[in-house]
PDB file of N, CA and C in Angstrom:
ATOM      1  N   MET A   1       4.742   2.486  -4.026  1.00  0.00           N
ATOM      2  CA  MET A   1       4.628   1.320  -4.888  1.00  0.00           C
ATOM      3  C   MET A   1       3.445   0.494  -4.399  1.00  0.00           C
ATOM      4  N   THR A   2       2.573   0.149  -5.315  1.00  0.00           N
ATOM      5  CA  THR A   2       1.418  -0.663  -4.946  1.00  0.00           C
ATOM      6  C   THR A   2       1.799  -2.139  -4.971  1.00  0.00           C
ATOM      7  N   SER A   3       0.972  -2.952  -4.329  1.00  0.00           N
ATOM      8  CA  SER A   3       1.267  -4.393  -4.328  1.00  0.00           C
ATOM      9  C   SER A   3       1.166  -4.959  -5.741  1.00  0.00           C
ATOM     10  N   GLY A   4       0.257  -4.402  -6.562  1.00  0.00           N
ATOM     11  CA  GLY A   4       0.129  -4.873  -7.939  1.00  0.00           C
ATOM     12  C   GLY A   4       1.357  -4.562  -8.775  1.00  0.00           C
ATOM     13  N   SER A   5       1.892  -3.346  -8.608  1.00  0.00           N
ATOM     14  CA  SER A   5       3.091  -3.014  -9.387  1.00  0.00           C
ATOM     15  C   SER A   5       4.293  -3.804  -8.879  1.00  0.00           C
ATOM     16  N   LEU A   6       4.362  -4.050  -7.572  1.00  0.00           N
ATOM     17  CA  LEU A   6       5.457  -4.858  -7.036  1.00  0.00           C
ATOM     18  C   LEU A   6       5.377  -6.285  -7.571  1.00  0.00           C
ATOM     19  N   ALA A   7       4.192  -6.853  -7.608  1.00  0.00           N
ATOM     20  CA  ALA A   7       4.024  -8.212  -8.132  1.00  0.00           C
ATOM     21  C   ALA A   7       4.476  -8.284  -9.587  1.00  0.00           C
ATOM     22  N   LEU A   8       4.082  -7.289 -10.384  1.00  0.00           N
ATOM     23  CA  LEU A   8       4.496  -7.243 -11.784  1.00  0.00           C
ATOM     24  C   LEU A   8       6.016  -7.157 -11.886  1.00  0.00           C
ATOM     25  N   MET A   9       6.633  -6.285 -11.088  1.00  0.00           N
ATOM     26  CA  MET A   9       8.088  -6.137 -11.140  1.00  0.00           C
ATOM     27  C   MET A   9       8.803  -7.408 -10.680  1.00  0.00           C
ATOM     28  N   LEU A  10       8.273  -8.086  -9.671  1.00  0.00           N
ATOM     29  CA  LEU A  10       8.913  -9.322  -9.203  1.00  0.00           C
ATOM     30  C   LEU A  10       8.871 -10.398 -10.288  1.00  0.00           C
ATOM     31  N   LEU A  11       7.713 -10.577 -10.906  1.00  0.00           N
ATOM     32  CA  LEU A  11       7.632 -11.559 -11.994  1.00  0.00           C
ATOM     33  C   LEU A  11       8.565 -11.183 -13.135  1.00  0.00           C
ATOM     34  N   ALA A  12       8.601  -9.901 -13.478  1.00  0.00           N
ATOM     35  CA  ALA A  12       9.463  -9.449 -14.579  1.00  0.00           C
ATOM     36  C   ALA A  12      10.940  -9.666 -14.245  1.00  0.00           C
ATOM     37  N   LEU A  13      11.348  -9.331 -13.024  1.00  0.00           N
ATOM     38  CA  LEU A  13      12.753  -9.527 -12.639  1.00  0.00           C
ATOM     39  C   LEU A  13      13.145 -10.995 -12.679  1.00  0.00           C
ATOM     40  N   LEU A  14      12.288 -11.841 -12.132  1.00  0.00           N
ATOM     41  CA  LEU A  14      12.605 -13.274 -12.129  1.00  0.00           C
ATOM     42  C   LEU A  14      12.691 -13.823 -13.542  1.00  0.00           C
ATOM     43  N   GLU A  15      11.814 -13.368 -14.411  1.00  0.00           N
ATOM     44  CA  GLU A  15      11.872 -13.811 -15.806  1.00  0.00           C
ATOM     45  C   GLU A  15      13.157 -13.291 -16.463  1.00  0.00           C
ATOM     46  N   GLN A  16      13.473 -12.036 -16.203  1.00  0.00           N
ATOM     47  CA  GLN A  16      14.672 -11.407 -16.759  1.00  0.00           C
ATOM     48  C   GLN A  16      15.943 -12.117 -16.284  1.00  0.00           C
ATOM     49  N   MET A  17      15.979 -12.492 -15.010  1.00  0.00           N
ATOM     50  CA  MET A  17      17.166 -13.123 -14.438  1.00  0.00           C
ATOM     51  C   MET A  17      17.381 -14.524 -15.011  1.00  0.00           C
ATOM     52  N   GLY A  18      16.285 -15.211 -15.328  1.00  0.00           N
ATOM     53  CA  GLY A  18      16.400 -16.516 -15.954  1.00  0.00           C
ATOM     54  C   GLY A  18      16.822 -17.640 -15.029  1.00  0.00           C
ATOM     55  N   GLU A  19      16.859 -17.365 -13.745  1.00  0.00           N
ATOM     56  CA  GLU A  19      17.198 -18.406 -12.762  1.00  0.00           C
ATOM     57  C   GLU A  19      16.533 -18.057 -11.442  1.00  0.00           C
ATOM     58  N   PRO A  20      16.345 -19.037 -10.565  1.00  0.00           N
ATOM     59  CA  PRO A  20      15.714 -18.745  -9.281  1.00  0.00           C
ATOM     60  C   PRO A  20      16.532 -17.718  -8.487  1.00  0.00           C
ATOM     61  N   ALA A  21      15.828 -16.923  -7.695  1.00  0.00           N
ATOM     62  CA  ALA A  21      16.482 -15.905  -6.874  1.00  0.00           C
ATOM     63  C   ALA A  21      15.795 -15.847  -5.522  1.00  0.00           C
ATOM     64  N   TYR A  22      16.541 -15.429  -4.510  1.00  0.00           N
ATOM     65  CA  TYR A  22      15.959 -15.294  -3.175  1.00  0.00           C
ATOM     66  C   TYR A  22      15.610 -13.834  -2.910  1.00  0.00           C
ATOM     67  N   GLY A  23      14.844 -13.620  -1.855  1.00  0.00           N
ATOM     68  CA  GLY A  23      14.280 -12.311  -1.574  1.00  0.00           C
ATOM     69  C   GLY A  23      15.285 -11.180  -1.546  1.00  0.00           C
ATOM     70  N   TYR A  24      16.414 -11.370  -0.883  1.00  0.00           N
ATOM     71  CA  TYR A  24      17.391 -10.285  -0.789  1.00  0.00           C
ATOM     72  C   TYR A  24      17.942  -9.923  -2.167  1.00  0.00           C
ATOM     73  N   GLN A  25      18.180 -10.918  -3.017  1.00  0.00           N
ATOM     74  CA  GLN A  25      18.647 -10.637  -4.383  1.00  0.00           C
ATOM     75  C   GLN A  25      17.619  -9.788  -5.130  1.00  0.00           C
ATOM     76  N   LEU A  26      16.359 -10.154  -4.999  1.00  0.00           N
ATOM     77  CA  LEU A  26      15.297  -9.413  -5.678  1.00  0.00           C
ATOM     78  C   LEU A  26      15.196  -7.994  -5.133  1.00  0.00           C
ATOM     79  N   SER A  27      15.345  -7.859  -3.839  1.00  0.00           N
ATOM     80  CA  SER A  27      15.309  -6.543  -3.208  1.00  0.00           C
ATOM     81  C   SER A  27      16.415  -5.646  -3.752  1.00  0.00           C
ATOM     82  N   ARG A  28      17.627  -6.178  -3.855  1.00  0.00           N
ATOM     83  CA  ARG A  28      18.765  -5.405  -4.382  1.00  0.00           C
ATOM     84  C   ARG A  28      18.536  -5.023  -5.840  1.00  0.00           C
ATOM     85  N   ARG A  29      18.004  -5.948  -6.624  1.00  0.00           N
ATOM     86  CA  ARG A  29      17.743  -5.649  -8.045  1.00  0.00           C
ATOM     87  C   ARG A  29      16.681  -4.566  -8.180  1.00  0.00           C
ATOM     88  N   LEU A  30      15.627  -4.639  -7.370  1.00  0.00           N
ATOM     89  CA  LEU A  30      14.591  -3.611  -7.415  1.00  0.00           C
ATOM     90  C   LEU A  30      15.173  -2.247  -7.034  1.00  0.00           C
ATOM     91  N   ALA A  31      16.079  -2.224  -6.067  1.00  0.00           N
ATOM     92  CA  ALA A  31      16.707  -0.964  -5.642  1.00  0.00           C
ATOM     93  C   ALA A  31      17.499  -0.341  -6.789  1.00  0.00           C
ATOM     94  N   GLU A  32      18.088  -1.165  -7.653  1.00  0.00           N
ATOM     95  CA  GLU A  32      18.847  -0.645  -8.795  1.00  0.00           C
ATOM     96  C   GLU A  32      17.964   0.168  -9.739  1.00  0.00           C
ATOM     97  N   TYR A  33      16.692  -0.165  -9.799  1.00  0.00           N
ATOM     98  CA  TYR A  33      15.766   0.519 -10.696  1.00  0.00           C
ATOM     99  C   TYR A  33      15.040   1.685 -10.027  1.00  0.00           C
ATOM    100  N   ALA A  34      15.090   1.763  -8.711  1.00  0.00           N
ATOM    101  CA  ALA A  34      14.341   2.798  -7.991  1.00  0.00           C
ATOM    102  C   ALA A  34      15.010   4.155  -8.151  1.00  0.00           C
ATOM    103  N   PRO A  35      14.228   5.198  -8.400  1.00  0.00           N
ATOM    104  CA  PRO A  35      14.815   6.529  -8.559  1.00  0.00           C
ATOM    105  C   PRO A  35      15.637   6.966  -7.353  1.00  0.00           C
ATOM    106  N   ASP A  36      15.219   6.551  -6.170  1.00  0.00           N
ATOM    107  CA  ASP A  36      15.947   6.938  -4.956  1.00  0.00           C
ATOM    108  C   ASP A  36      16.938   5.870  -4.496  1.00  0.00           C
ATOM    109  N   GLY A  37      17.035   4.756  -5.249  1.00  0.00           N
ATOM    110  CA  GLY A  37      17.964   3.691  -4.903  1.00  0.00           C
ATOM    111  C   GLY A  37      17.551   2.861  -3.707  1.00  0.00           C
ATOM    112  N   GLU A  38      16.341   3.096  -3.209  1.00  0.00           N
ATOM    113  CA  GLU A  38      15.853   2.373  -2.034  1.00  0.00           C
ATOM    114  C   GLU A  38      15.217   1.045  -2.431  1.00  0.00           C
ATOM    115  N   ALA A  39      15.516   0.028  -1.646  1.00  0.00           N
ATOM    116  CA  ALA A  39      14.894  -1.283  -1.839  1.00  0.00           C
ATOM    117  C   ALA A  39      13.527  -1.274  -1.163  1.00  0.00           C
ATOM    118  N   PRO A  40      12.612  -2.104  -1.642  1.00  0.00           N
ATOM    119  CA  PRO A  40      11.322  -2.197  -0.946  1.00  0.00           C
ATOM    120  C   PRO A  40      11.539  -2.739   0.462  1.00  0.00           C
ATOM    121  N   LYS A  41      10.675  -2.361   1.357  1.00  0.00           N
ATOM    122  CA  LYS A  41      10.759  -2.835   2.740  1.00  0.00           C
ATOM    123  C   LYS A  41      10.471  -4.336   2.782  1.00  0.00           C
ATOM    124  N   GLN A  42      11.127  -5.022   3.724  1.00  0.00           N
ATOM    125  CA  GLN A  42      10.902  -6.459   3.873  1.00  0.00           C
ATOM    126  C   GLN A  42       9.438  -6.763   4.146  1.00  0.00           C
ATOM    127  N   GLY A  43       8.777  -5.871   4.874  1.00  0.00           N
ATOM    128  CA  GLY A  43       7.370  -6.057   5.200  1.00  0.00           C
ATOM    129  C   GLY A  43       6.458  -5.921   3.995  1.00  0.00           C
ATOM    130  N   THR A  44       7.004  -5.478   2.879  1.00  0.00           N
ATOM    131  CA  THR A  44       6.264  -5.387   1.623  1.00  0.00           C
ATOM    132  C   THR A  44       6.685  -6.494   0.664  1.00  0.00           C
ATOM    133  N   LEU A  45       7.992  -6.715   0.567  1.00  0.00           N
ATOM    134  CA  LEU A  45       8.537  -7.665  -0.398  1.00  0.00           C
ATOM    135  C   LEU A  45       8.122  -9.106  -0.112  1.00  0.00           C
ATOM    136  N   TYR A  46       8.364  -9.562   1.106  1.00  0.00           N
ATOM    137  CA  TYR A  46       8.125 -10.976   1.398  1.00  0.00           C
ATOM    138  C   TYR A  46       6.646 -11.356   1.360  1.00  0.00           C
ATOM    139  N   PRO A  47       5.734 -10.513   1.852  1.00  0.00           N
ATOM    140  CA  PRO A  47       4.311 -10.851   1.658  1.00  0.00           C
ATOM    141  C   PRO A  47       3.925 -10.928   0.175  1.00  0.00           C
ATOM    142  N   ALA A  48       4.508 -10.070  -0.658  1.00  0.00           N
ATOM    143  CA  ALA A  48       4.211 -10.119  -2.097  1.00  0.00           C
ATOM    144  C   ALA A  48       4.703 -11.437  -2.692  1.00  0.00           C
ATOM    145  N   LEU A  49       5.900 -11.857  -2.315  1.00  0.00           N
ATOM    146  CA  LEU A  49       6.418 -13.139  -2.809  1.00  0.00           C
ATOM    147  C   LEU A  49       5.529 -14.296  -2.359  1.00  0.00           C
ATOM    148  N   ARG A  50       5.130 -14.290  -1.086  1.00  0.00           N
ATOM    149  CA  ARG A  50       4.263 -15.368  -0.579  1.00  0.00           C
ATOM    150  C   ARG A  50       2.912 -15.369  -1.285  1.00  0.00           C
ATOM    151  N   SER A  51       2.384 -14.175  -1.545  1.00  0.00           N
ATOM    152  CA  SER A  51       1.098 -14.078  -2.236  1.00  0.00           C
ATOM    153  C   SER A  51       1.197 -14.638  -3.655  1.00  0.00           C
ATOM    154  N   LEU A  52       2.257 -14.285  -4.369  1.00  0.00           N
ATOM    155  CA  LEU A  52       2.451 -14.816  -5.716  1.00  0.00           C
ATOM    156  C   LEU A  52       2.590 -16.334  -5.690  1.00  0.00           C
ATOM    157  N   GLU A  53       3.237 -16.840  -4.667  1.00  0.00           N
ATOM    158  CA  GLU A  53       3.372 -18.297  -4.554  1.00  0.00           C
ATOM    159  C   GLU A  53       2.020 -18.944  -4.255  1.00  0.00           C
ATOM    160  N   ARG A  54       1.256 -18.347  -3.344  1.00  0.00           N
ATOM    161  CA  ARG A  54      -0.082 -18.880  -3.028  1.00  0.00           C
ATOM    162  C   ARG A  54      -0.981 -18.899  -4.264  1.00  0.00           C
ATOM    163  N   LEU A  55      -0.821 -17.905  -5.119  1.00  0.00           N
ATOM    164  CA  LEU A  55      -1.627 -17.832  -6.336  1.00  0.00           C
ATOM    165  C   LEU A  55      -1.141 -18.790  -7.426  1.00  0.00           C
ATOM    166  N   GLY A  56      -0.029 -19.463  -7.181  1.00  0.00           N
ATOM    167  CA  GLY A  56       0.507 -20.406  -8.157  1.00  0.00           C
ATOM    168  C   GLY A  56       1.342 -19.736  -9.243  1.00  0.00           C
ATOM    169  N   LEU A  57       1.709 -18.463  -9.044  1.00  0.00           N
ATOM    170  CA  LEU A  57       2.480 -17.739 -10.050  1.00  0.00           C
ATOM    171  C   LEU A  57       3.983 -17.866  -9.830  1.00  0.00           C
ATOM    172  N   LEU A  58       4.374 -18.238  -8.620  1.00  0.00           N
ATOM    173  CA  LEU A  58       5.773 -18.522  -8.292  1.00  0.00           C
ATOM    174  C   LEU A  58       5.855 -19.876  -7.621  1.00  0.00           C
ATOM    175  N   ALA A  59       6.979 -20.530  -7.819  1.00  0.00           N
ATOM    176  CA  ALA A  59       7.309 -21.750  -7.073  1.00  0.00           C
ATOM    177  C   ALA A  59       8.568 -21.429  -6.284  1.00  0.00           C
ATOM    178  N   SER A  60       8.747 -22.108  -5.158  1.00  0.00           N
ATOM    179  CA  SER A  60       9.950 -21.846  -4.371  1.00  0.00           C
ATOM    180  C   SER A  60      10.554 -23.142  -3.867  1.00  0.00           C
ATOM    181  N   THR A  61      11.852 -23.061  -3.615  1.00  0.00           N
ATOM    182  CA  THR A  61      12.579 -24.157  -2.987  1.00  0.00           C
ATOM    183  C   THR A  61      13.468 -23.541  -1.918  1.00  0.00           C
ATOM    184  N   VAL A  62      13.707 -24.292  -0.863  1.00  0.00           N
ATOM    185  CA  VAL A  62      14.582 -23.825   0.212  1.00  0.00           C
ATOM    186  C   VAL A  62      15.910 -24.553   0.063  1.00  0.00           C
ATOM    187  N   GLU A  63      16.983 -23.779   0.083  1.00  0.00           N
ATOM    188  CA  GLU A  63      18.325 -24.332  -0.079  1.00  0.00           C
ATOM    189  C   GLU A  63      19.214 -23.865   1.066  1.00  0.00           C
ATOM    190  N   PRO A  64      20.150 -24.696   1.486  1.00  0.00           N
ATOM    191  CA  PRO A  64      21.071 -24.273   2.542  1.00  0.00           C
ATOM    192  C   PRO A  64      21.942 -23.112   2.071  1.00  0.00           C
ATOM    193  N   SER A  65      22.386 -22.303   3.023  1.00  0.00           N
ATOM    194  CA  SER A  65      23.268 -21.185   2.731  1.00  0.00           C
ATOM    195  C   SER A  65      24.541 -21.340   3.548  1.00  0.00           C
ATOM    196  N   VAL A  66      25.676 -21.035   2.946  1.00  0.00           N
ATOM    197  CA  VAL A  66      26.946 -21.136   3.682  1.00  0.00           C
ATOM    198  C   VAL A  66      27.122 -19.952   4.628  1.00  0.00           C
ATOM    199  N   SER A  67      26.312 -18.890   4.439  1.00  0.00           N
ATOM    200  CA  SER A  67      26.499 -17.700   5.266  1.00  0.00           C
ATOM    201  C   SER A  67      25.231 -17.320   6.022  1.00  0.00           C
ATOM    202  N   GLY A  68      24.577 -18.278   6.641  1.00  0.00           N
ATOM    203  CA  GLY A  68      23.389 -17.960   7.416  1.00  0.00           C
ATOM    204  C   GLY A  68      22.319 -19.015   7.267  1.00  0.00           C
ATOM    205  N   PRO A  69      21.089 -18.627   7.560  1.00  0.00           N
ATOM    206  CA  PRO A  69      19.991 -19.590   7.484  1.00  0.00           C
ATOM    207  C   PRO A  69      19.698 -19.986   6.038  1.00  0.00           C
ATOM    208  N   PRO A  70      18.947 -21.064   5.851  1.00  0.00           N
ATOM    209  CA  PRO A  70      18.580 -21.473   4.493  1.00  0.00           C
ATOM    210  C   PRO A  70      17.847 -20.350   3.759  1.00  0.00           C
ATOM    211  N   ARG A  71      17.953 -20.351   2.436  1.00  0.00           N
ATOM    212  CA  ARG A  71      17.318 -19.328   1.606  1.00  0.00           C
ATOM    213  C   ARG A  71      16.207 -19.939   0.776  1.00  0.00           C
ATOM    214  N   ARG A  72      15.141 -19.169   0.630  1.00  0.00           N
ATOM    215  CA  ARG A  72      14.032 -19.595  -0.226  1.00  0.00           C
ATOM    216  C   ARG A  72      14.224 -18.949  -1.592  1.00  0.00           C
ATOM    217  N   TYR A  73      14.382 -19.786  -2.598  1.00  0.00           N
ATOM    218  CA  TYR A  73      14.573 -19.323  -3.979  1.00  0.00           C
ATOM    219  C   TYR A  73      13.244 -19.402  -4.723  1.00  0.00           C
ATOM    220  N   TYR A  74      12.938 -18.334  -5.453  1.00  0.00           N
ATOM    221  CA  TYR A  74      11.681 -18.234  -6.195  1.00  0.00           C
ATOM    222  C   TYR A  74      11.945 -18.262  -7.690  1.00  0.00           C
ATOM    223  N   GLN A  75      10.977 -18.829  -8.412  1.00  0.00           N
ATOM    224  CA  GLN A  75      11.006 -18.781  -9.872  1.00  0.00           C
ATOM    225  C   GLN A  75       9.573 -18.786 -10.381  1.00  0.00           C
ATOM    226  N   PRO A  76       9.344 -18.176 -11.541  1.00  0.00           N
ATOM    227  CA  PRO A  76       7.976 -18.139 -12.073  1.00  0.00           C
ATOM    228  C   PRO A  76       7.530 -19.519 -12.541  1.00  0.00           C
ATOM    229  N   THR A  77       6.265 -19.793 -12.350  1.00  0.00           N
ATOM    230  CA  THR A  77       5.655 -21.005 -12.909  1.00  0.00           C
ATOM    231  C   THR A  77       5.156 -20.666 -14.315  1.00  0.00           C
ATOM    232  N   GLU A  78       4.645 -21.658 -15.026  1.00  0.00           N
ATOM    233  CA  GLU A  78       4.042 -21.387 -16.334  1.00  0.00           C
ATOM    234  C   GLU A  78       2.881 -20.404 -16.182  1.00  0.00           C
ATOM    235  N   GLU A  79       2.089 -20.583 -15.108  1.00  0.00           N
ATOM    236  CA  GLU A  79       0.990 -19.653 -14.853  1.00  0.00           C
ATOM    237  C   GLU A  79       1.530 -18.248 -14.582  1.00  0.00           C
ATOM    238  N   GLY A  80       2.676 -18.166 -13.906  1.00  0.00           N
ATOM    239  CA  GLY A  80       3.298 -16.877 -13.631  1.00  0.00           C
ATOM    240  C   GLY A  80       3.786 -16.198 -14.899  1.00  0.00           C
ATOM    241  N   ARG A  81       4.332 -16.976 -15.811  1.00  0.00           N
ATOM    242  CA  ARG A  81       4.782 -16.405 -17.092  1.00  0.00           C
ATOM    243  C   ARG A  81       3.594 -15.895 -17.906  1.00  0.00           C
ATOM    244  N   ALA A  82       2.504 -16.635 -17.890  1.00  0.00           N
ATOM    245  CA  ALA A  82       1.297 -16.194 -18.602  1.00  0.00           C
ATOM    246  C   ALA A  82       0.731 -14.929 -17.950  1.00  0.00           C
ATOM    247  N   ALA A  83       0.734 -14.888 -16.626  1.00  0.00           N
ATOM    248  CA  ALA A  83       0.257 -13.694 -15.918  1.00  0.00           C
ATOM    249  C   ALA A  83       1.139 -12.493 -16.250  1.00  0.00           C
ATOM    250  N   LEU A  84       2.444 -12.701 -16.335  1.00  0.00           N
ATOM    251  CA  LEU A  84       3.361 -11.613 -16.662  1.00  0.00           C
ATOM    252  C   LEU A  84       3.008 -11.002 -18.022  1.00  0.00           C
ATOM    253  N   VAL A  85       2.723 -11.832 -19.003  1.00  0.00           N
ATOM    254  CA  VAL A  85       2.352 -11.323 -20.328  1.00  0.00           C
ATOM    255  C   VAL A  85       1.066 -10.505 -20.224  1.00  0.00           C
ATOM    256  N   ALA A  86       0.063 -11.043 -19.556  1.00  0.00           N
ATOM    257  CA  ALA A  86      -1.225 -10.339 -19.433  1.00  0.00           C
ATOM    258  C   ALA A  86      -1.069  -9.046 -18.642  1.00  0.00           C
ATOM    259  N   TRP A  87      -0.305  -9.084 -17.562  1.00  0.00           N
ATOM    260  CA  TRP A  87      -0.119  -7.881 -16.726  1.00  0.00           C
ATOM    261  C   TRP A  87       0.675  -6.812 -17.472  1.00  0.00           C
ATOM    262  N   ARG A  88       1.638  -7.229 -18.298  1.00  0.00           N
ATOM    263  CA  ARG A  88       2.401  -6.236 -19.085  1.00  0.00           C
ATOM    264  C   ARG A  88       1.485  -5.511 -20.062  1.00  0.00           C
ATOM    265  N   VAL A  89       0.617  -6.262 -20.724  1.00  0.00           N
ATOM    266  CA  VAL A  89      -0.324  -5.648 -21.661  1.00  0.00           C
ATOM    267  C   VAL A  89      -1.221  -4.672 -20.902  1.00  0.00           C
ATOM    268  N   ALA A  90      -1.775  -5.107 -19.780  1.00  0.00           N
ATOM    269  CA  ALA A  90      -2.649  -4.237 -18.984  1.00  0.00           C
ATOM    270  C   ALA A  90      -1.891  -3.000 -18.502  1.00  0.00           C
ATOM    271  N   TRP A  91      -0.637  -3.178 -18.079  1.00  0.00           N
ATOM    272  CA  TRP A  91       0.173  -2.052 -17.606  1.00  0.00           C
ATOM    273  C   TRP A  91       0.405  -1.049 -18.738  1.00  0.00           C
ATOM    274  N   GLN A  92       0.755  -1.535 -19.906  1.00  0.00           N
ATOM    275  CA  GLN A  92       1.007  -0.637 -21.037  1.00  0.00           C
ATOM    276  C   GLN A  92      -0.250   0.137 -21.417  1.00  0.00           C
ATOM    277  N   GLN A  93      -1.391  -0.537 -21.403  1.00  0.00           N
ATOM    278  CA  GLN A  93      -2.643   0.143 -21.725  1.00  0.00           C
ATOM    279  C   GLN A  93      -2.976   1.192 -20.673  1.00  0.00           C
ATOM    280  N   MET A  94      -2.812   0.843 -19.411  1.00  0.00           N
ATOM    281  CA  MET A  94      -3.127   1.759 -18.323  1.00  0.00           C
ATOM    282  C   MET A  94      -2.191   2.963 -18.336  1.00  0.00           C
ATOM    283  N   THR A  95      -0.889   2.739 -18.515  1.00  0.00           N
ATOM    284  CA  THR A  95       0.041   3.869 -18.496  1.00  0.00           C
ATOM    285  C   THR A  95      -0.172   4.774 -19.715  1.00  0.00           C
ATOM    286  N   ALA A  96      -0.520   4.211 -20.855  1.00  0.00           N
ATOM    287  CA  ALA A  96      -0.817   5.040 -22.031  1.00  0.00           C
ATOM    288  C   ALA A  96      -2.031   5.924 -21.751  1.00  0.00           C
ATOM    289  N   HIS A  97      -3.033   5.363 -21.103  1.00  0.00           N
ATOM    290  CA  HIS A  97      -4.240   6.119 -20.759  1.00  0.00           C
ATOM    291  C   HIS A  97      -3.908   7.241 -19.780  1.00  0.00           C
ATOM    292  N   VAL A  98      -3.183   6.922 -18.717  1.00  0.00           N
ATOM    293  CA  VAL A  98      -2.804   7.926 -17.719  1.00  0.00           C
ATOM    294  C   VAL A  98      -1.928   9.004 -18.358  1.00  0.00           C
ATOM    295  N   ASP A  99      -0.954   8.595 -19.163  1.00  0.00           N
ATOM    296  CA  ASP A  99      -0.069   9.566 -19.818  1.00  0.00           C
ATOM    297  C   ASP A  99      -0.858  10.520 -20.714  1.00  0.00           C
ATOM    298  N   ALA A 100      -1.860  10.004 -21.414  1.00  0.00           N
ATOM    299  CA  ALA A 100      -2.672  10.852 -22.289  1.00  0.00           C
ATOM    300  C   ALA A 100      -3.419  11.911 -21.481  1.00  0.00           C
ATOM    301  N   VAL A 101      -3.943  11.522 -20.337  1.00  0.00           N
ATOM    302  CA  VAL A 101      -4.651  12.474 -19.487  1.00  0.00           C
ATOM    303  C   VAL A 101      -3.671  13.488 -18.905  1.00  0.00           C
ATOM    304  N   LEU A 102      -2.547  13.030 -18.388  1.00  0.00           N
ATOM    305  CA  LEU A 102      -1.568  13.926 -17.768  1.00  0.00           C
ATOM    306  C   LEU A 102      -0.936  14.881 -18.777  1.00  0.00           C
ATOM    307  N   ALA A 103      -0.850  14.477 -20.022  1.00  0.00           N
ATOM    308  CA  ALA A 103      -0.243  15.316 -21.052  1.00  0.00           C
ATOM    309  C   ALA A 103      -1.026  16.613 -21.254  1.00  0.00           C
ATOM    310  N   GLU A 104      -2.290  16.627 -20.854  1.00  0.00           N
ATOM    311  CA  GLU A 104      -3.129  17.809 -21.008  1.00  0.00           C
ATOM    312  C   GLU A 104      -2.895  18.839 -19.896  1.00  0.00           C
ATOM    313  N   LEU A 105      -2.145  18.485 -18.878  1.00  0.00           N
ATOM    314  CA  LEU A 105      -1.854  19.404 -17.777  1.00  0.00           C
ATOM    315  C   LEU A 105      -0.643  20.261 -18.109  1.00  0.00           C
ATOM    316  N   PRO A 106      -0.561  21.432 -17.500  1.00  0.00           N
ATOM    317  CA  PRO A 106       0.670  22.214 -17.683  1.00  0.00           C
ATOM    318  C   PRO A 106       1.833  21.497 -17.002  1.00  0.00           C
ATOM    319  N   PRO A 107       3.073  21.762 -17.448  1.00  0.00           N
ATOM    320  CA  PRO A 107       4.224  21.091 -16.828  1.00  0.00           C
ATOM    321  C   PRO A 107       4.334  21.447 -15.344  1.00  0.00           C
ATOM    322  N   LEU A 108       4.904  20.557 -14.603  1.00  0.00           N
ATOM    323  CA  LEU A 108       5.176  20.822 -13.190  1.00  0.00           C
ATOM    324  C   LEU A 108       6.260  21.889 -13.083  1.00  0.00           C
ATOM    325  N   PRO A 109       6.259  22.650 -12.007  1.00  0.00           N
ATOM    326  CA  PRO A 109       7.331  23.645 -11.836  1.00  0.00           C
ATOM    327  C   PRO A 109       8.695  22.968 -11.861  1.00  0.00           C
ATOM    328  N   ASP A 110       9.648  23.656 -12.482  1.00  0.00           N
ATOM    329  CA  ASP A 110      11.035  23.165 -12.553  1.00  0.00           C
ATOM    330  C   ASP A 110      11.162  21.836 -13.282  1.00  0.00           C
ATOM    331  N   GLN A 111      10.199  21.529 -14.146  1.00  0.00           N
ATOM    332  CA  GLN A 111      10.252  20.308 -14.934  1.00  0.00           C
ATOM    333  C   GLN A 111      10.356  20.699 -16.402  1.00  0.00           C
ATOM    334  N   PRO A 112      11.188  20.042 -17.151  1.00  0.00           N
ATOM    335  CA  PRO A 112      11.300  20.383 -18.585  1.00  0.00           C
ATOM    336  C   PRO A 112      10.031  19.975 -19.326  1.00  0.00           C
ATOM    337  N   GLU A 113       9.776  20.662 -20.407  1.00  0.00           N
ATOM    338  CA  GLU A 113       8.661  20.298 -21.297  1.00  0.00           C
ATOM    339  C   GLU A 113       8.952  18.906 -21.856  1.00  0.00           C
ATOM    340  N   THR A 114       7.929  18.082 -22.001  1.00  0.00           N
ATOM    341  CA  THR A 114       8.098  16.753 -22.576  1.00  0.00           C
ATOM    342  C   THR A 114       7.055  16.554 -23.661  1.00  0.00           C
ATOM    343  N   ASP A 115       7.170  15.436 -24.314  1.00  0.00           N
ATOM    344  CA  ASP A 115       6.195  15.092 -25.339  1.00  0.00           C
ATOM    345  C   ASP A 115       5.015  14.332 -24.753  1.00  0.00           C
ATOM    346  N   GLY A 116       4.856  14.386 -23.435  1.00  0.00           N
ATOM    347  CA  GLY A 116       3.764  13.683 -22.780  1.00  0.00           C
ATOM    348  C   GLY A 116       4.184  12.388 -22.143  1.00  0.00           C
ATOM    349  N   ALA A 117       5.400  11.905 -22.471  1.00  0.00           N
ATOM    350  CA  ALA A 117       5.888  10.650 -21.900  1.00  0.00           C
ATOM    351  C   ALA A 117       6.513  10.941 -20.539  1.00  0.00           C
ATOM    352  N   PRO A 118       6.336  10.032 -19.575  1.00  0.00           N
ATOM    353  CA  PRO A 118       6.961  10.239 -18.274  1.00  0.00           C
ATOM    354  C   PRO A 118       8.481  10.210 -18.394  1.00  0.00           C
ATOM    355  N   GLN A 119       9.122  10.929 -17.538  1.00  0.00           N
ATOM    356  CA  GLN A 119      10.589  10.997 -17.541  1.00  0.00           C
ATOM    357  C   GLN A 119      11.178   9.773 -16.890  1.00  0.00           C
TER     358      GLN A 119
END
């Protein structure tokens, strides 16, 4: 997973959730979508969240926790919502381009024939 795709997924998850979320919640949600069920490593997730915040795409607040240290909750800013729209368009264009090129290759061994769309 690249940092760009992780940033896109984090913004999308936060928008989808509709409420602020902390890093561990986001990690668990990302794991639900992963083919192998693995969550991103903390050394990848938290720098991505901090970077999005530095860029003004996320805002955060720290709240006390009854079961441990305080938690930092993240939510998209207006700039983050606008970036999400632009990044989704760019992602769709890029994946359509890649899919068109890959569709010209023979199928991978032990893979069913497809119409060119990723499985």
